[in-house]
mmCIF file of all heavy atoms, coordinates in Angstrom:
data_MODEL
# 
_entry.id   MODEL 
# 
loop_
_atom_site.group_PDB 
_atom_site.id 
_atom_site.type_symbol 
_atom_site.label_atom_id 
_atom_site.label_alt_id 
_atom_site.label_comp_id 
_atom_site.label_asym_id 
_atom_site.label_entity_id 
_atom_site.label_seq_id 
_atom_site.pdbx_PDB_ins_code 
_atom_site.Cartn_x 
_atom_site.Cartn_y 
_atom_site.Cartn_z 
_atom_site.occupancy 
_atom_site.B_iso_or_equiv 
_atom_site.pdbx_formal_charge 
_atom_site.auth_seq_id 
_atom_site.auth_comp_id 
_atom_site.auth_asym_id 
_atom_site.auth_atom_id 
_atom_site.pdbx_PDB_model_num 
ATOM 1   N N   . TRP A 1 1  ? 63.388 152.718 106.654 1.00 0.00 ? 1  TRP A N   1 
ATOM 2   C CA  . TRP A 1 1  ? 64.096 152.591 105.375 1.00 0.00 ? 1  TRP A CA  1 
ATOM 3   C C   . TRP A 1 1  ? 65.559 153.009 105.515 1.00 0.00 ? 1  TRP A C   1 
ATOM 4   O O   . TRP A 1 1  ? 66.452 152.340 104.992 1.00 0.00 ? 1  TRP A O   1 
ATOM 5   C CB  . TRP A 1 1  ? 63.424 153.443 104.303 1.00 0.00 ? 1  TRP A CB  1 
ATOM 6   C CG  . TRP A 1 1  ? 62.166 152.842 103.729 1.00 0.00 ? 1  TRP A CG  1 
ATOM 7   C CD1 . TRP A 1 1  ? 61.702 151.560 103.898 1.00 0.00 ? 1  TRP A CD1 1 
ATOM 8   C CD2 . TRP A 1 1  ? 61.198 153.510 102.898 1.00 0.00 ? 1  TRP A CD2 1 
ATOM 9   N NE1 . TRP A 1 1  ? 60.521 151.390 103.235 1.00 0.00 ? 1  TRP A NE1 1 
ATOM 10  C CE2 . TRP A 1 1  ? 60.176 152.553 102.610 1.00 0.00 ? 1  TRP A CE2 1 
ATOM 11  C CE3 . TRP A 1 1  ? 61.092 154.797 102.385 1.00 0.00 ? 1  TRP A CE3 1 
ATOM 12  C CZ2 . TRP A 1 1  ? 59.074 152.873 101.815 1.00 0.00 ? 1  TRP A CZ2 1 
ATOM 13  C CZ3 . TRP A 1 1  ? 59.994 155.106 101.591 1.00 0.00 ? 1  TRP A CZ3 1 
ATOM 14  C CH2 . TRP A 1 1  ? 59.005 154.156 101.317 1.00 0.00 ? 1  TRP A CH2 1 
ATOM 15  N N   . LEU A 1 2  ? 65.782 154.116 106.210 1.00 0.00 ? 2  LEU A N   1 
ATOM 16  C CA  . LEU A 1 2  ? 67.164 154.572 106.395 1.00 0.00 ? 2  LEU A CA  1 
ATOM 17  C C   . LEU A 1 2  ? 67.971 153.546 107.175 1.00 0.00 ? 2  LEU A C   1 
ATOM 18  O O   . LEU A 1 2  ? 69.128 153.259 106.847 1.00 0.00 ? 2  LEU A O   1 
ATOM 19  C CB  . LEU A 1 2  ? 67.180 155.919 107.122 1.00 0.00 ? 2  LEU A CB  1 
ATOM 20  C CG  . LEU A 1 2  ? 66.981 157.168 106.271 1.00 0.00 ? 2  LEU A CG  1 
ATOM 21  C CD1 . LEU A 1 2  ? 66.926 158.408 107.154 1.00 0.00 ? 2  LEU A CD1 1 
ATOM 22  C CD2 . LEU A 1 2  ? 68.093 157.305 105.237 1.00 0.00 ? 2  LEU A CD2 1 
ATOM 23  N N   . HIS A 1 3  ? 67.369 152.997 108.218 1.00 0.00 ? 3  HIS A N   1 
ATOM 24  C CA  . HIS A 1 3  ? 68.070 151.966 108.988 1.00 0.00 ? 3  HIS A CA  1 
ATOM 25  C C   . HIS A 1 3  ? 68.339 150.746 108.111 1.00 0.00 ? 3  HIS A C   1 
ATOM 26  O O   . HIS A 1 3  ? 69.437 150.172 108.130 1.00 0.00 ? 3  HIS A O   1 
ATOM 27  C CB  . HIS A 1 3  ? 67.257 151.557 110.214 1.00 0.00 ? 3  HIS A CB  1 
ATOM 28  C CG  . HIS A 1 3  ? 67.888 150.451 110.997 1.00 0.00 ? 3  HIS A CG  1 
ATOM 29  N ND1 . HIS A 1 3  ? 67.587 149.119 110.786 1.00 0.00 ? 3  HIS A ND1 1 
ATOM 30  C CD2 . HIS A 1 3  ? 68.830 150.469 111.972 1.00 0.00 ? 3  HIS A CD2 1 
ATOM 31  C CE1 . HIS A 1 3  ? 68.297 148.375 111.606 1.00 0.00 ? 3  HIS A CE1 1 
ATOM 32  N NE2 . HIS A 1 3  ? 69.069 149.156 112.328 1.00 0.00 ? 3  HIS A NE2 1 
ATOM 33  N N   . GLY A 1 4  ? 67.330 150.355 107.320 1.00 0.00 ? 4  GLY A N   1 
ATOM 34  C CA  . GLY A 1 4  ? 67.503 149.211 106.431 1.00 0.00 ? 4  GLY A CA  1 
ATOM 35  C C   . GLY A 1 4  ? 68.609 149.435 105.414 1.00 0.00 ? 4  GLY A C   1 
ATOM 36  O O   . GLY A 1 4  ? 69.372 148.521 105.096 1.00 0.00 ? 4  GLY A O   1 
ATOM 37  N N   . LEU A 1 5  ? 68.724 150.665 104.916 1.00 0.00 ? 5  LEU A N   1 
ATOM 38  C CA  . LEU A 1 5  ? 69.773 150.989 103.958 1.00 0.00 ? 5  LEU A CA  1 
ATOM 39  C C   . LEU A 1 5  ? 71.155 150.832 104.581 1.00 0.00 ? 5  LEU A C   1 
ATOM 40  O O   . LEU A 1 5  ? 72.065 150.236 103.978 1.00 0.00 ? 5  LEU A O   1 
ATOM 41  C CB  . LEU A 1 5  ? 69.588 152.419 103.456 1.00 0.00 ? 5  LEU A CB  1 
ATOM 42  C CG  . LEU A 1 5  ? 70.635 152.934 102.456 1.00 0.00 ? 5  LEU A CG  1 
ATOM 43  C CD1 . LEU A 1 5  ? 70.604 152.112 101.178 1.00 0.00 ? 5  LEU A CD1 1 
ATOM 44  C CD2 . LEU A 1 5  ? 70.398 154.413 102.149 1.00 0.00 ? 5  LEU A CD2 1 
ATOM 45  N N   . HIS A 1 6  ? 71.316 151.354 105.791 1.00 0.00 ? 6  HIS A N   1 
ATOM 46  C CA  . HIS A 1 6  ? 72.612 151.221 106.477 1.00 0.00 ? 6  HIS A CA  1 
ATOM 47  C C   . HIS A 1 6  ? 72.894 149.761 106.832 1.00 0.00 ? 6  HIS A C   1 
ATOM 48  O O   . HIS A 1 6  ? 74.044 149.321 106.784 1.00 0.00 ? 6  HIS A O   1 
ATOM 49  C CB  . HIS A 1 6  ? 72.637 152.089 107.735 1.00 0.00 ? 6  HIS A CB  1 
ATOM 50  C CG  . HIS A 1 6  ? 72.767 153.554 107.447 1.00 0.00 ? 6  HIS A CG  1 
ATOM 51  N ND1 . HIS A 1 6  ? 71.682 154.397 107.358 1.00 0.00 ? 6  HIS A ND1 1 
ATOM 52  C CD2 . HIS A 1 6  ? 73.843 154.330 107.213 1.00 0.00 ? 6  HIS A CD2 1 
ATOM 53  C CE1 . HIS A 1 6  ? 72.093 155.621 107.090 1.00 0.00 ? 6  HIS A CE1 1 
ATOM 54  N NE2 . HIS A 1 6  ? 73.403 155.613 106.992 1.00 0.00 ? 6  HIS A NE2 1 
ATOM 55  N N   . LEU A 1 7  ? 71.840 149.035 107.191 1.00 0.00 ? 7  LEU A N   1 
ATOM 56  C CA  . LEU A 1 7  ? 72.051 147.634 107.542 1.00 0.00 ? 7  LEU A CA  1 
ATOM 57  C C   . LEU A 1 7  ? 72.404 146.817 106.301 1.00 0.00 ? 7  LEU A C   1 
ATOM 58  O O   . LEU A 1 7  ? 73.201 145.870 106.376 1.00 0.00 ? 7  LEU A O   1 
ATOM 59  C CB  . LEU A 1 7  ? 70.814 147.066 108.231 1.00 0.00 ? 7  LEU A CB  1 
ATOM 60  C CG  . LEU A 1 7  ? 71.078 145.730 108.935 1.00 0.00 ? 7  LEU A CG  1 
ATOM 61  C CD1 . LEU A 1 7  ? 70.577 145.771 110.384 1.00 0.00 ? 7  LEU A CD1 1 
ATOM 62  C CD2 . LEU A 1 7  ? 70.407 144.583 108.204 1.00 0.00 ? 7  LEU A CD2 1 
ATOM 63  N N   . PHE A 1 8  ? 71.832 147.187 105.163 1.00 0.00 ? 8  PHE A N   1 
ATOM 64  C CA  . PHE A 1 8  ? 72.205 146.523 103.906 1.00 0.00 ? 8  PHE A CA  1 
ATOM 65  C C   . PHE A 1 8  ? 73.701 146.711 103.647 1.00 0.00 ? 8  PHE A C   1 
ATOM 66  O O   . PHE A 1 8  ? 74.401 145.775 103.243 1.00 0.00 ? 8  PHE A O   1 
ATOM 67  C CB  . PHE A 1 8  ? 71.388 147.086 102.745 1.00 0.00 ? 8  PHE A CB  1 
ATOM 68  C CG  . PHE A 1 8  ? 71.793 146.539 101.403 1.00 0.00 ? 8  PHE A CG  1 
ATOM 69  C CD1 . PHE A 1 8  ? 71.397 145.271 101.000 1.00 0.00 ? 8  PHE A CD1 1 
ATOM 70  C CD2 . PHE A 1 8  ? 72.594 147.287 100.539 1.00 0.00 ? 8  PHE A CD2 1 
ATOM 71  C CE1 . PHE A 1 8  ? 71.777 144.760 99.759  1.00 0.00 ? 8  PHE A CE1 1 
ATOM 72  C CE2 . PHE A 1 8  ? 72.981 146.795 99.314  1.00 0.00 ? 8  PHE A CE2 1 
ATOM 73  C CZ  . PHE A 1 8  ? 72.574 145.521 98.918  1.00 0.00 ? 8  PHE A CZ  1 
ATOM 74  N N   . GLY A 1 9  ? 74.189 147.931 103.891 1.00 0.00 ? 9  GLY A N   1 
ATOM 75  C CA  . GLY A 1 9  ? 75.619 148.170 103.759 1.00 0.00 ? 9  GLY A CA  1 
ATOM 76  C C   . GLY A 1 9  ? 76.425 147.315 104.715 1.00 0.00 ? 9  GLY A C   1 
ATOM 77  O O   . GLY A 1 9  ? 77.515 146.829 104.379 1.00 0.00 ? 9  GLY A O   1 
ATOM 78  N N   . GLY A 1 10 ? 75.880 147.116 105.929 1.00 0.00 ? 10 GLY A N   1 
ATOM 79  C CA  . GLY A 1 10 ? 76.549 146.260 106.893 1.00 0.00 ? 10 GLY A CA  1 
ATOM 80  C C   . GLY A 1 10 ? 76.621 144.819 106.418 1.00 0.00 ? 10 GLY A C   1 
ATOM 81  O O   . GLY A 1 10 ? 77.650 144.139 106.597 1.00 0.00 ? 10 GLY A O   1 
ATOM 82  N N   . VAL A 1 11 ? 75.560 144.325 105.808 1.00 0.00 ? 11 VAL A N   1 
ATOM 83  C CA  . VAL A 1 11 ? 75.545 142.964 105.281 1.00 0.00 ? 11 VAL A CA  1 
ATOM 84  C C   . VAL A 1 11 ? 76.571 142.810 104.161 1.00 0.00 ? 11 VAL A C   1 
ATOM 85  O O   . VAL A 1 11 ? 77.296 141.806 104.091 1.00 0.00 ? 11 VAL A O   1 
ATOM 86  C CB  . VAL A 1 11 ? 74.132 142.589 104.765 1.00 0.00 ? 11 VAL A CB  1 
ATOM 87  C CG1 . VAL A 1 11 ? 74.176 141.276 103.983 1.00 0.00 ? 11 VAL A CG1 1 
ATOM 88  C CG2 . VAL A 1 11 ? 73.157 142.467 105.928 1.00 0.00 ? 11 VAL A CG2 1 
ATOM 89  N N   . VAL A 1 12 ? 76.655 143.821 103.295 1.00 0.00 ? 12 VAL A N   1 
ATOM 90  C CA  . VAL A 1 12 ? 77.640 143.786 102.208 1.00 0.00 ? 12 VAL A CA  1 
ATOM 91  C C   . VAL A 1 12 ? 79.062 143.709 102.777 1.00 0.00 ? 12 VAL A C   1 
ATOM 92  O O   . VAL A 1 12 ? 79.900 142.935 102.302 1.00 0.00 ? 12 VAL A O   1 
ATOM 93  C CB  . VAL A 1 12 ? 77.500 145.026 101.302 1.00 0.00 ? 12 VAL A CB  1 
ATOM 94  C CG1 . VAL A 1 12 ? 78.661 145.111 100.307 1.00 0.00 ? 12 VAL A CG1 1 
ATOM 95  C CG2 . VAL A 1 12 ? 76.172 144.989 100.552 1.00 0.00 ? 12 VAL A CG2 1 
ATOM 96  N N   . SER A 1 13 ? 79.326 144.495 103.822 1.00 0.00 ? 13 SER A N   1 
ATOM 97  C CA  . SER A 1 13 ? 80.659 144.462 104.440 1.00 0.00 ? 13 SER A CA  1 
ATOM 98  C C   . SER A 1 13 ? 80.922 143.117 105.101 1.00 0.00 ? 13 SER A C   1 
ATOM 99  O O   . SER A 1 13 ? 82.051 142.613 105.072 1.00 0.00 ? 13 SER A O   1 
ATOM 100 C CB  . SER A 1 13 ? 80.797 145.599 105.462 1.00 0.00 ? 13 SER A CB  1 
ATOM 101 O OG  . SER A 1 13 ? 79.940 145.407 106.568 1.00 0.00 ? 13 SER A OG  1 
ATOM 102 N N   . MET A 1 14 ? 79.880 142.510 105.676 1.00 0.00 ? 14 MET A N   1 
ATOM 103 C CA  . MET A 1 14 ? 80.045 141.187 106.282 1.00 0.00 ? 14 MET A CA  1 
ATOM 104 C C   . MET A 1 14 ? 80.382 140.142 105.227 1.00 0.00 ? 14 MET A C   1 
ATOM 105 O O   . MET A 1 14 ? 81.229 139.261 105.453 1.00 0.00 ? 14 MET A O   1 
ATOM 106 C CB  . MET A 1 14 ? 78.769 140.803 107.037 1.00 0.00 ? 14 MET A CB  1 
ATOM 107 C CG  . MET A 1 14 ? 78.519 141.614 108.298 1.00 0.00 ? 14 MET A CG  1 
ATOM 108 S SD  . MET A 1 14 ? 76.932 141.243 109.068 1.00 0.00 ? 14 MET A SD  1 
ATOM 109 C CE  . MET A 1 14 ? 77.256 139.627 109.756 1.00 0.00 ? 14 MET A CE  1 
ATOM 110 N N   . ILE A 1 15 ? 79.723 140.220 104.087 1.00 0.00 ? 15 ILE A N   1 
ATOM 111 C CA  . ILE A 1 15 ? 80.006 139.278 103.009 1.00 0.00 ? 15 ILE A CA  1 
ATOM 112 C C   . ILE A 1 15 ? 81.443 139.449 102.520 1.00 0.00 ? 15 ILE A C   1 
ATOM 113 O O   . ILE A 1 15 ? 82.159 138.468 102.257 1.00 0.00 ? 15 ILE A O   1 
ATOM 114 C CB  . ILE A 1 15 ? 79.009 139.481 101.851 1.00 0.00 ? 15 ILE A CB  1 
ATOM 115 C CG1 . ILE A 1 15 ? 77.601 139.083 102.304 1.00 0.00 ? 15 ILE A CG1 1 
ATOM 116 C CG2 . ILE A 1 15 ? 79.425 138.666 100.624 1.00 0.00 ? 15 ILE A CG2 1 
ATOM 117 C CD1 . ILE A 1 15 ? 76.514 139.386 101.290 1.00 0.00 ? 15 ILE A CD1 1 
ATOM 118 N N   . TYR A 1 16 ? 81.890 140.702 102.424 1.00 0.00 ? 16 TYR A N   1 
ATOM 119 C CA  . TYR A 1 16 ? 83.274 140.979 102.007 1.00 0.00 ? 16 TYR A CA  1 
ATOM 120 C C   . TYR A 1 16 ? 84.271 140.384 103.001 1.00 0.00 ? 16 TYR A C   1 
ATOM 121 O O   . TYR A 1 16 ? 85.243 139.722 102.607 1.00 0.00 ? 16 TYR A O   1 
ATOM 122 C CB  . TYR A 1 16 ? 83.471 142.486 101.888 1.00 0.00 ? 16 TYR A CB  1 
ATOM 123 C CG  . TYR A 1 16 ? 84.900 142.898 101.597 1.00 0.00 ? 16 TYR A CG  1 
ATOM 124 C CD1 . TYR A 1 16 ? 85.455 142.734 100.327 1.00 0.00 ? 16 TYR A CD1 1 
ATOM 125 C CD2 . TYR A 1 16 ? 85.696 143.456 102.604 1.00 0.00 ? 16 TYR A CD2 1 
ATOM 126 C CE1 . TYR A 1 16 ? 86.764 143.108 100.065 1.00 0.00 ? 16 TYR A CE1 1 
ATOM 127 C CE2 . TYR A 1 16 ? 87.005 143.833 102.345 1.00 0.00 ? 16 TYR A CE2 1 
ATOM 128 C CZ  . TYR A 1 16 ? 87.531 143.654 101.075 1.00 0.00 ? 16 TYR A CZ  1 
ATOM 129 O OH  . TYR A 1 16 ? 88.831 144.024 100.829 1.00 0.00 ? 16 TYR A OH  1 
ATOM 130 N N   . VAL A 1 17 ? 84.017 140.603 104.286 1.00 0.00 ? 17 VAL A N   1 
ATOM 131 C CA  . VAL A 1 17 ? 84.900 140.056 105.319 1.00 0.00 ? 17 VAL A CA  1 
ATOM 132 C C   . VAL A 1 17 ? 84.866 138.532 105.293 1.00 0.00 ? 17 VAL A C   1 
ATOM 133 O O   . VAL A 1 17 ? 85.899 137.864 105.450 1.00 0.00 ? 17 VAL A O   1 
ATOM 134 C CB  . VAL A 1 17 ? 84.490 140.588 106.711 1.00 0.00 ? 17 VAL A CB  1 
ATOM 135 C CG1 . VAL A 1 17 ? 85.194 139.820 107.828 1.00 0.00 ? 17 VAL A CG1 1 
ATOM 136 C CG2 . VAL A 1 17 ? 84.806 142.078 106.822 1.00 0.00 ? 17 VAL A CG2 1 
ATOM 137 N N   . LEU A 1 18 ? 83.690 137.969 105.095 1.00 0.00 ? 18 LEU A N   1 
ATOM 138 C CA  . LEU A 1 18 ? 83.561 136.509 105.065 1.00 0.00 ? 18 LEU A CA  1 
ATOM 139 C C   . LEU A 1 18 ? 84.337 135.911 103.899 1.00 0.00 ? 18 LEU A C   1 
ATOM 140 O O   . LEU A 1 18 ? 84.991 134.866 104.048 1.00 0.00 ? 18 LEU A O   1 
ATOM 141 C CB  . LEU A 1 18 ? 82.084 136.130 104.964 1.00 0.00 ? 18 LEU A CB  1 
ATOM 142 C CG  . LEU A 1 18 ? 81.756 134.639 105.033 1.00 0.00 ? 18 LEU A CG  1 
ATOM 143 C CD1 . LEU A 1 18 ? 82.238 134.046 106.356 1.00 0.00 ? 18 LEU A CD1 1 
ATOM 144 C CD2 . LEU A 1 18 ? 80.257 134.418 104.867 1.00 0.00 ? 18 LEU A CD2 1 
ATOM 145 N N   . MET A 1 19 ? 84.290 136.580 102.755 1.00 0.00 ? 19 MET A N   1 
ATOM 146 C CA  . MET A 1 19 ? 85.043 136.088 101.601 1.00 0.00 ? 19 MET A CA  1 
ATOM 147 C C   . MET A 1 19 ? 86.544 136.092 101.882 1.00 0.00 ? 19 MET A C   1 
ATOM 148 O O   . MET A 1 19 ? 87.269 135.153 101.510 1.00 0.00 ? 19 MET A O   1 
ATOM 149 C CB  . MET A 1 19 ? 84.728 136.949 100.375 1.00 0.00 ? 19 MET A CB  1 
ATOM 150 C CG  . MET A 1 19 ? 83.316 136.775 99.843  1.00 0.00 ? 19 MET A CG  1 
ATOM 151 S SD  . MET A 1 19 ? 82.935 137.897 98.468  1.00 0.00 ? 19 MET A SD  1 
ATOM 152 C CE  . MET A 1 19 ? 84.119 137.347 97.232  1.00 0.00 ? 19 MET A CE  1 
ATOM 153 N N   . LYS A 1 20 ? 87.027 137.122 102.555 1.00 0.00 ? 20 LYS A N   1 
ATOM 154 C CA  . LYS A 1 20 ? 88.439 137.162 102.920 1.00 0.00 ? 20 LYS A CA  1 
ATOM 155 C C   . LYS A 1 20 ? 88.757 136.100 103.965 1.00 0.00 ? 20 LYS A C   1 
ATOM 156 O O   . LYS A 1 20 ? 89.836 135.504 103.940 1.00 0.00 ? 20 LYS A O   1 
ATOM 157 C CB  . LYS A 1 20 ? 88.791 138.552 103.445 1.00 0.00 ? 20 LYS A CB  1 
ATOM 158 C CG  . LYS A 1 20 ? 88.696 139.658 102.403 1.00 0.00 ? 20 LYS A CG  1 
ATOM 159 C CD  . LYS A 1 20 ? 89.114 141.009 102.958 1.00 0.00 ? 20 LYS A CD  1 
ATOM 160 C CE  . LYS A 1 20 ? 90.609 141.057 103.216 1.00 0.00 ? 20 LYS A CE  1 
ATOM 161 N NZ  . LYS A 1 20 ? 91.058 142.422 103.627 1.00 0.00 ? 20 LYS A NZ  1 
ATOM 162 N N   . ALA A 1 21 ? 87.808 135.861 104.864 1.00 0.00 ? 21 ALA A N   1 
ATOM 163 C CA  . ALA A 1 21 ? 88.018 134.833 105.894 1.00 0.00 ? 21 ALA A CA  1 
ATOM 164 C C   . ALA A 1 21 ? 88.128 133.456 105.260 1.00 0.00 ? 21 ALA A C   1 
ATOM 165 O O   . ALA A 1 21 ? 88.940 132.625 105.696 1.00 0.00 ? 21 ALA A O   1 
ATOM 166 C CB  . ALA A 1 21 ? 86.873 134.871 106.899 1.00 0.00 ? 21 ALA A CB  1 
ATOM 167 N N   . LEU A 1 22 ? 87.328 133.201 104.248 1.00 0.00 ? 22 LEU A N   1 
ATOM 168 C CA  . LEU A 1 22 ? 87.374 131.903 103.576 1.00 0.00 ? 22 LEU A CA  1 
ATOM 169 C C   . LEU A 1 22 ? 88.704 131.680 102.873 1.00 0.00 ? 22 LEU A C   1 
ATOM 170 O O   . LEU A 1 22 ? 89.102 130.549 102.610 1.00 0.00 ? 22 LEU A O   1 
ATOM 171 C CB  . LEU A 1 22 ? 86.223 131.794 102.570 1.00 0.00 ? 22 LEU A CB  1 
ATOM 172 C CG  . LEU A 1 22 ? 84.819 131.747 103.171 1.00 0.00 ? 22 LEU A CG  1 
ATOM 173 C CD1 . LEU A 1 22 ? 83.761 131.767 102.072 1.00 0.00 ? 22 LEU A CD1 1 
ATOM 174 C CD2 . LEU A 1 22 ? 84.652 130.509 104.050 1.00 0.00 ? 22 LEU A CD2 1 
ATOM 175 N N   . LYS A 1 23 ? 89.403 132.762 102.575 1.00 0.00 ? 23 LYS A N   1 
ATOM 176 C CA  . LYS A 1 23 ? 90.730 132.670 101.942 1.00 0.00 ? 23 LYS A CA  1 
ATOM 177 C C   . LYS A 1 23 ? 91.847 132.623 102.992 1.00 0.00 ? 23 LYS A C   1 
ATOM 178 O O   . LYS A 1 23 ? 93.024 132.660 102.643 1.00 0.00 ? 23 LYS A O   1 
ATOM 179 C CB  . LYS A 1 23 ? 90.949 133.861 101.017 1.00 0.00 ? 23 LYS A CB  1 
ATOM 180 C CG  . LYS A 1 23 ? 89.998 133.895 99.831  1.00 0.00 ? 23 LYS A CG  1 
ATOM 181 C CD  . LYS A 1 23 ? 90.236 135.125 98.966  1.00 0.00 ? 23 LYS A CD  1 
ATOM 182 C CE  . LYS A 1 23 ? 89.274 135.170 97.789  1.00 0.00 ? 23 LYS A CE  1 
ATOM 183 N NZ  . LYS A 1 23 ? 89.470 136.383 96.945  1.00 0.00 ? 23 LYS A NZ  1 
ATOM 184 N N   . GLY A 1 24 ? 91.461 132.551 104.275 1.00 0.00 ? 24 GLY A N   1 
ATOM 185 C CA  . GLY A 1 24 ? 92.442 132.437 105.336 1.00 0.00 ? 24 GLY A CA  1 
ATOM 186 C C   . GLY A 1 24 ? 93.112 133.734 105.730 1.00 0.00 ? 24 GLY A C   1 
ATOM 187 O O   . GLY A 1 24 ? 94.227 133.727 106.260 1.00 0.00 ? 24 GLY A O   1 
ATOM 188 N N   . PHE A 1 25 ? 92.437 134.853 105.470 1.00 0.00 ? 25 PHE A N   1 
ATOM 189 C CA  . PHE A 1 25 ? 93.072 136.148 105.712 1.00 0.00 ? 25 PHE A CA  1 
ATOM 190 C C   . PHE A 1 25 ? 93.140 136.499 107.198 1.00 0.00 ? 25 PHE A C   1 
ATOM 191 O O   . PHE A 1 25 ? 94.090 137.150 107.640 1.00 0.00 ? 25 PHE A O   1 
ATOM 192 C CB  . PHE A 1 25 ? 92.294 137.237 104.964 1.00 0.00 ? 25 PHE A CB  1 
ATOM 193 C CG  . PHE A 1 25 ? 92.940 138.593 105.021 1.00 0.00 ? 25 PHE A CG  1 
ATOM 194 C CD1 . PHE A 1 25 ? 94.000 138.923 104.186 1.00 0.00 ? 25 PHE A CD1 1 
ATOM 195 C CD2 . PHE A 1 25 ? 92.509 139.542 105.930 1.00 0.00 ? 25 PHE A CD2 1 
ATOM 196 C CE1 . PHE A 1 25 ? 94.601 140.162 104.242 1.00 0.00 ? 25 PHE A CE1 1 
ATOM 197 C CE2 . PHE A 1 25 ? 93.094 140.799 106.003 1.00 0.00 ? 25 PHE A CE2 1 
ATOM 198 C CZ  . PHE A 1 25 ? 94.147 141.109 105.161 1.00 0.00 ? 25 PHE A CZ  1 
ATOM 199 N N   . TYR A 1 26 ? 92.151 136.073 107.979 1.00 0.00 ? 26 TYR A N   1 
ATOM 200 C CA  . TYR A 1 26 ? 92.066 136.516 109.376 1.00 0.00 ? 26 TYR A CA  1 
ATOM 201 C C   . TYR A 1 26 ? 92.546 135.466 110.360 1.00 0.00 ? 26 TYR A C   1 
ATOM 202 O O   . TYR A 1 26 ? 92.382 134.268 110.149 1.00 0.00 ? 26 TYR A O   1 
ATOM 203 C CB  . TYR A 1 26 ? 90.628 136.909 109.721 1.00 0.00 ? 26 TYR A CB  1 
ATOM 204 C CG  . TYR A 1 26 ? 90.122 138.073 108.905 1.00 0.00 ? 26 TYR A CG  1 
ATOM 205 C CD1 . TYR A 1 26 ? 89.141 137.886 107.933 1.00 0.00 ? 26 TYR A CD1 1 
ATOM 206 C CD2 . TYR A 1 26 ? 90.629 139.353 109.086 1.00 0.00 ? 26 TYR A CD2 1 
ATOM 207 C CE1 . TYR A 1 26 ? 88.678 138.949 107.169 1.00 0.00 ? 26 TYR A CE1 1 
ATOM 208 C CE2 . TYR A 1 26 ? 90.171 140.422 108.327 1.00 0.00 ? 26 TYR A CE2 1 
ATOM 209 C CZ  . TYR A 1 26 ? 89.195 140.214 107.372 1.00 0.00 ? 26 TYR A CZ  1 
ATOM 210 O OH  . TYR A 1 26 ? 88.748 141.265 106.626 1.00 0.00 ? 26 TYR A OH  1 
ATOM 211 N N   . ASN A 1 27 ? 93.141 135.941 111.443 1.00 0.00 ? 27 ASN A N   1 
ATOM 212 C CA  . ASN A 1 27 ? 93.527 135.098 112.565 1.00 0.00 ? 27 ASN A CA  1 
ATOM 213 C C   . ASN A 1 27 ? 93.571 135.979 113.810 1.00 0.00 ? 27 ASN A C   1 
ATOM 214 O O   . ASN A 1 27 ? 93.192 137.152 113.758 1.00 0.00 ? 27 ASN A O   1 
ATOM 215 C CB  . ASN A 1 27 ? 94.875 134.411 112.309 1.00 0.00 ? 27 ASN A CB  1 
ATOM 216 C CG  . ASN A 1 27 ? 95.968 135.402 111.948 1.00 0.00 ? 27 ASN A CG  1 
ATOM 217 O OD1 . ASN A 1 27 ? 96.205 136.377 112.670 1.00 0.00 ? 27 ASN A OD1 1 
ATOM 218 N ND2 . ASN A 1 27 ? 96.616 135.178 110.805 1.00 0.00 ? 27 ASN A ND2 1 
ATOM 219 N N   . SER A 1 28 ? 94.054 135.429 114.916 1.00 0.00 ? 28 SER A N   1 
ATOM 220 C CA  . SER A 1 28 ? 94.039 136.168 116.178 1.00 0.00 ? 28 SER A CA  1 
ATOM 221 C C   . SER A 1 28 ? 94.912 137.416 116.153 1.00 0.00 ? 28 SER A C   1 
ATOM 222 O O   . SER A 1 28 ? 94.704 138.345 116.947 1.00 0.00 ? 28 SER A O   1 
ATOM 223 C CB  . SER A 1 28 ? 94.489 135.253 117.321 1.00 0.00 ? 28 SER A CB  1 
ATOM 224 O OG  . SER A 1 28 ? 95.815 134.785 117.087 1.00 0.00 ? 28 SER A OG  1 
# 
């Protein structure tokens, strides 16, 4: 459960990064 909780936080951060990526925020 503890691992799942931290991994859920990781998924949330991935979604946040992905949303910024879709707006063209990231590059090399």
